Amino acid sequence: MAIQTRLVEYHHEDATFEAYLAWDDSAPGPRPGVAIAHAWGGRSAFEEDKARELAALGYVAVALDVYGKGVRGSSVEENQALMAPLIEDRALLQARLRAGVDCLAGQDRVDAGRLAAIGYCFGGLCVLDLARCGAPVRSVCSFHGLFMPPDNTAGRRIDASVLCLHGYDDPMAQPDSVLALASEMTAAGADWQVHAYGNTVHAFSNPAADDPESGVLYSEVADRRSWQAMRNFLEETLA
């Protein structure tokens, strides 16, 4: 097995984005593709590491970019300033995400009929929006994601399977938002699941998360369990 990586440019309107592509060049193709949506700071080493891990599992993985080539946040204030305009304009966010999925689908080693997306924090909201807007993905998996729905997909059917891996004590997605998500997914006819991990807060899959006073803390147990749940989910939905 030899994991290969490269950067790939793609475009939406007049903006250029740069994704990180990873694949196993010894795996027979074409292979299922998995897009990875980043947290609020932009595409980082964290998402790139997940791309390589997915490549080792036999997928072609791409860590997406919704801010623009080279655009990254380095503080809470910068991250918030980057994320907020896309939270406010979900149609623009969805269009940029779809451009990234199209980039993945167009790669030579990818089976464009077997695509999925996973995302972390803000990226969890992103992949839920991919399902909500009818992007060509079979399934989406949100890790400690944000659940607030957009204003442009009400009444639309969701065909993609949905898995949310959630810390029950996450202050950014409290139990009432989980119930609202469940009602939304059911009304949309989605095949959906929520796995809630007790005594677990936001960013539980990120070893660098260490701010318990803000409800942001790594959990080795939830990290391991959620990754296994994602593996099972992708094996099922991309078979």
Protein backbone atom coordinates (compact mmCIF):
# COMPACT_ATOMS: atom_id res chain seq x y z
CA MET A 1 0.00 0.00 0.00
CA ALA A 2 1.29 3.44 -0.95
CA ILE A 3 -0.79 6.47 -0.01
CA GLN A 4 -0.41 9.26 -2.53
CA THR A 5 -1.48 12.87 -2.06
CA ARG A 6 -1.68 16.03 -4.13
CA LEU A 7 -3.36 19.42 -4.12
CA VAL A 8 -6.19 20.01 -6.58
CA GLU A 9 -7.60 23.37 -7.60
CA TYR A 10 -11.28 23.86 -8.40
CA HIS A 11 -13.53 26.84 -8.93
CA HIS A 12 -16.92 28.32 -8.14
CA GLU A 13 -17.91 31.58 -9.82
CA ASP A 14 -14.81 33.79 -9.61
CA ALA A 15 -13.24 32.06 -6.60
CA THR A 16 -10.48 29.45 -6.61
CA PHE A 17 -10.38 26.68 -4.01
CA GLU A 18 -7.69 24.13 -3.19
CA ALA A 19 -8.47 20.61 -2.01
CA TYR A 20 -6.16 17.93 -0.65
CA LEU A 21 -6.57 14.59 -2.44
CA ALA A 22 -5.42 11.24 -1.01
CA TRP A 23 -5.60 7.73 -2.45
CA ASP A 24 -3.92 4.34 -2.29
CA ASP A 25 -2.27 3.78 -5.65
CA SER A 26 -2.19 0.01 -5.10
CA ALA A 27 -6.00 -0.23 -4.71
CA PRO A 28 -7.89 -1.31 -7.83
CA GLY A 29 -10.13 1.38 -9.22
CA PRO A 30 -12.43 3.03 -9.58
CA ARG A 31 -12.96 3.51 -5.84
CA PRO A 32 -15.71 5.17 -3.77
CA GLY A 33 -14.97 8.81 -3.02
CA VAL A 34 -15.32 10.62 0.31
CA ALA A 35 -15.28 14.40 0.67
CA ILE A 36 -14.19 15.89 4.01
CA ALA A 37 -15.64 19.24 5.08
CA HIS A 38 -13.42 21.28 7.37
CA ALA A 39 -14.03 22.95 10.72
CA TRP A 40 -14.36 26.72 11.07
CA GLY A 41 -10.67 27.47 10.66
CA GLY A 42 -10.46 26.19 7.09
CA ARG A 43 -8.78 23.14 5.59
CA SER A 44 -6.02 22.05 7.95
CA ALA A 45 -3.67 19.23 8.83
CA PHE A 46 -6.54 17.64 10.78
CA GLU A 47 -8.71 17.13 7.69
CA GLU A 48 -5.70 16.15 5.59
CA ASP A 49 -4.87 13.45 8.12
CA LYS A 50 -8.44 12.15 7.87
CA ALA A 51 -8.08 12.05 4.09
CA ARG A 52 -5.01 9.83 4.38
CA GLU A 53 -6.77 7.59 6.90
CA LEU A 54 -9.71 7.18 4.54
CA ALA A 55 -7.34 6.45 1.66
CA ALA A 56 -5.82 3.67 3.77
CA LEU A 57 -9.33 2.21 4.08
CA GLY A 58 -9.63 2.04 0.29
CA TYR A 59 -11.44 5.30 -0.49
CA VAL A 60 -10.32 8.21 -2.59
CA ALA A 61 -10.63 11.12 -0.17
CA VAL A 62 -10.54 14.85 -0.66
CA ALA A 63 -10.31 17.47 2.08
CA LEU A 64 -12.43 20.31 0.76
CA ASP A 65 -11.98 24.07 0.98
CA VAL A 66 -14.96 26.46 1.21
CA TYR A 67 -13.07 29.65 2.08
CA GLY A 68 -10.75 29.97 -0.91
CA LYS A 69 -7.21 28.99 -1.79
CA GLY A 70 -4.86 29.90 1.04
CA VAL A 71 -7.60 31.41 3.21
CA ARG A 72 -7.33 30.16 6.80
CA GLY A 73 -8.21 31.42 10.25
CA SER A 74 -5.67 31.50 13.08
CA SER A 75 -7.81 32.72 15.98
CA VAL A 76 -11.34 32.44 17.30
CA GLU A 77 -12.11 35.87 15.89
CA GLU A 78 -10.70 35.08 12.44
CA ASN A 79 -12.44 31.70 12.31
CA GLN A 80 -15.77 33.28 13.22
CA ALA A 81 -15.31 35.99 10.61
CA LEU A 82 -14.68 33.35 7.92
CA MET A 83 -17.56 31.09 8.89
CA ALA A 84 -20.28 33.66 9.61
CA PRO A 85 -20.93 34.85 6.03
CA LEU A 86 -21.47 31.25 4.87
CA ILE A 87 -23.75 30.47 7.79
CA GLU A 88 -25.78 33.50 6.73
CA ASP A 89 -25.75 32.60 3.01
CA ARG A 90 -26.36 28.88 2.96
CA ALA A 91 -27.08 28.80 -0.77
CA LEU A 92 -23.55 30.08 -1.41
CA LEU A 93 -22.14 27.55 1.05
CA GLN A 94 -24.04 24.74 -0.65
CA ALA A 95 -22.83 25.83 -4.09
CA ARG A 96 -19.21 25.84 -2.95
CA LEU A 97 -19.64 22.43 -1.35
CA ARG A 98 -21.16 21.02 -4.51
CA ALA A 99 -18.23 22.37 -6.51
CA GLY A 100 -15.95 20.40 -4.20
CA VAL A 101 -18.01 17.23 -4.60
CA ASP A 102 -17.88 17.70 -8.37
CA CYS A 103 -14.11 18.00 -8.11
CA LEU A 104 -13.98 14.68 -6.27
CA ALA A 105 -16.32 13.01 -8.75
CA GLY A 106 -14.11 14.10 -11.63
CA GLN A 107 -10.96 12.41 -10.36
CA ASP A 108 -9.78 9.49 -12.50
CA ARG A 109 -9.74 6.93 -9.70
CA VAL A 110 -13.20 7.78 -8.35
CA ASP A 111 -16.46 5.93 -8.92
CA ALA A 112 -18.72 8.98 -9.28
CA GLY A 113 -21.76 6.84 -8.46
CA ARG A 114 -20.43 6.06 -4.98
CA LEU A 115 -19.75 9.29 -3.14
CA ALA A 116 -20.09 10.28 0.52
CA ALA A 117 -19.12 13.24 2.68
CA ILE A 118 -17.98 13.58 6.27
CA GLY A 119 -17.45 16.79 8.22
CA TYR A 120 -16.29 18.17 11.55
CA CYS A 121 -17.94 20.97 13.58
CA PHE A 122 -18.81 23.60 10.93
CA GLY A 123 -18.02 20.83 8.45
CA GLY A 124 -20.74 18.72 10.07
CA LEU A 125 -23.23 21.43 9.17
CA CYS A 126 -21.73 21.48 5.67
CA VAL A 127 -22.31 17.79 5.01
CA LEU A 128 -25.85 17.98 6.36
CA ASP A 129 -26.43 20.79 3.87
CA LEU A 130 -25.10 18.57 1.08
CA ALA A 131 -27.82 16.07 1.97
CA ARG A 132 -30.44 18.80 2.34
CA CYS A 133 -29.73 20.35 -1.06
CA GLY A 134 -29.70 17.07 -2.96
CA ALA A 135 -26.00 16.88 -3.81
CA PRO A 136 -24.94 13.65 -5.57
CA VAL A 137 -23.78 11.81 -2.45
CA ARG A 138 -25.11 8.52 -1.15
CA SER A 139 -24.42 9.36 2.48
CA VAL A 140 -23.15 12.01 4.86
CA CYS A 141 -21.61 11.74 8.32
CA SER A 142 -21.41 14.66 10.75
CA PHE A 143 -18.91 14.64 13.63
CA HIS A 144 -19.90 17.02 16.45
CA GLY A 145 -21.65 19.14 13.85
CA LEU A 146 -23.98 22.11 14.02
CA PHE A 147 -27.62 21.30 13.31
CA MET A 148 -29.38 24.57 12.49
CA PRO A 149 -31.23 24.13 9.18
CA PRO A 150 -30.84 26.47 6.20
CA ASP A 151 -33.62 28.66 4.89
CA ASN A 152 -33.67 27.25 1.36
CA THR A 153 -34.37 23.51 1.68
CA ALA A 154 -37.66 23.26 3.62
CA GLY A 155 -39.99 20.65 2.20
CA ARG A 156 -37.30 18.98 0.12
CA ARG A 157 -36.80 15.23 0.25
CA ILE A 158 -33.44 13.96 1.52
CA ASP A 159 -32.25 10.90 -0.40
CA ALA A 160 -28.80 10.57 1.17
CA SER A 161 -28.38 8.46 4.30
CA VAL A 162 -27.45 10.61 7.30
CA LEU A 163 -25.35 9.77 10.37
CA CYS A 164 -24.72 12.31 13.13
CA LEU A 165 -22.04 11.47 15.70
CA HIS A 166 -22.76 13.78 18.58
CA GLY A 167 -21.57 14.63 22.07
CA TYR A 168 -24.70 14.75 24.20
CA ASP A 169 -23.31 17.60 26.30
CA ASP A 170 -22.15 19.67 23.32
CA PRO A 171 -23.09 23.28 24.18
CA MET A 172 -23.18 24.16 20.47
CA ALA A 173 -25.82 21.56 19.63
CA GLN A 174 -28.00 21.09 22.69
CA PRO A 175 -30.69 18.40 23.04
CA ASP A 176 -33.48 20.60 21.65
CA SER A 177 -31.52 21.01 18.41
CA VAL A 178 -31.10 17.24 18.20
CA LEU A 179 -34.86 16.80 18.51
CA ALA A 180 -35.40 19.47 15.86
CA LEU A 181 -32.96 17.70 13.55
CA ALA A 182 -34.76 14.40 14.10
CA SER A 183 -38.08 16.02 13.16
CA GLU A 184 -36.49 17.66 10.10
CA MET A 185 -34.90 14.42 8.89
CA THR A 186 -38.08 12.42 9.43
CA ALA A 187 -40.20 14.98 7.59
CA ALA A 188 -37.73 14.84 4.68
CA GLY A 189 -37.99 11.05 4.47
CA ALA A 190 -34.32 10.58 5.25
CA ASP A 191 -32.62 7.38 6.38
CA TRP A 192 -31.08 8.97 9.46
CA GLN A 193 -29.23 8.06 12.66
CA VAL A 194 -27.92 10.03 15.63
CA HIS A 195 -25.31 8.42 17.90
CA ALA A 196 -25.07 10.47 21.07
CA TYR A 197 -22.08 9.94 23.36
CA GLY A 198 -22.69 10.60 27.05
CA ASN A 199 -20.40 12.88 29.08
CA THR A 200 -19.02 14.18 25.80
CA VAL A 201 -18.81 17.75 24.52
CA HIS A 202 -17.83 19.55 21.31
CA ALA A 203 -14.82 18.62 19.13
CA PHE A 204 -14.46 15.22 20.81
CA SER A 205 -12.57 13.76 17.83
CA ASN A 206 -9.80 16.38 17.80
CA PRO A 207 -6.86 15.60 20.10
CA ALA A 208 -5.99 19.31 20.18
CA ALA A 209 -9.37 20.24 21.70
CA ASP A 210 -8.69 21.26 25.30
CA ASP A 211 -11.01 23.99 26.57
CA PRO A 212 -13.45 22.29 28.93
CA GLU A 213 -14.78 25.59 30.26
CA SER A 214 -16.08 26.34 26.74
CA GLY A 215 -17.38 22.80 26.24
CA VAL A 216 -14.62 21.82 23.81
CA LEU A 217 -12.65 18.71 24.78
CA TYR A 218 -11.14 15.63 23.17
CA SER A 219 -12.50 12.21 24.16
CA GLU A 220 -10.43 9.17 23.21
CA VAL A 221 -13.42 6.87 23.74
CA ALA A 222 -15.86 8.93 21.66
CA ASP A 223 -13.20 9.45 18.99
CA ARG A 224 -12.63 5.72 18.65
CA ARG A 225 -16.31 4.80 18.76
CA SER A 226 -17.33 7.48 16.27
CA TRP A 227 -14.63 6.54 13.74
CA GLN A 228 -15.75 2.92 13.89
CA ALA A 229 -19.38 3.99 13.46
CA MET A 230 -18.38 6.02 10.40
CA ARG A 231 -16.47 3.06 8.94
CA ASN A 232 -19.50 0.81 9.33
CA PHE A 233 -21.76 3.46 7.82
CA LEU A 234 -19.56 4.04 4.77
CA GLU A 235 -19.12 0.32 4.19
CA GLU A 236 -22.90 -0.05 4.15
CA THR A 237 -23.86 3.00 2.12
CA LEU A 238 -21.03 2.85 -0.46
CA ALA A 239 -21.16 -0.90 -1.07
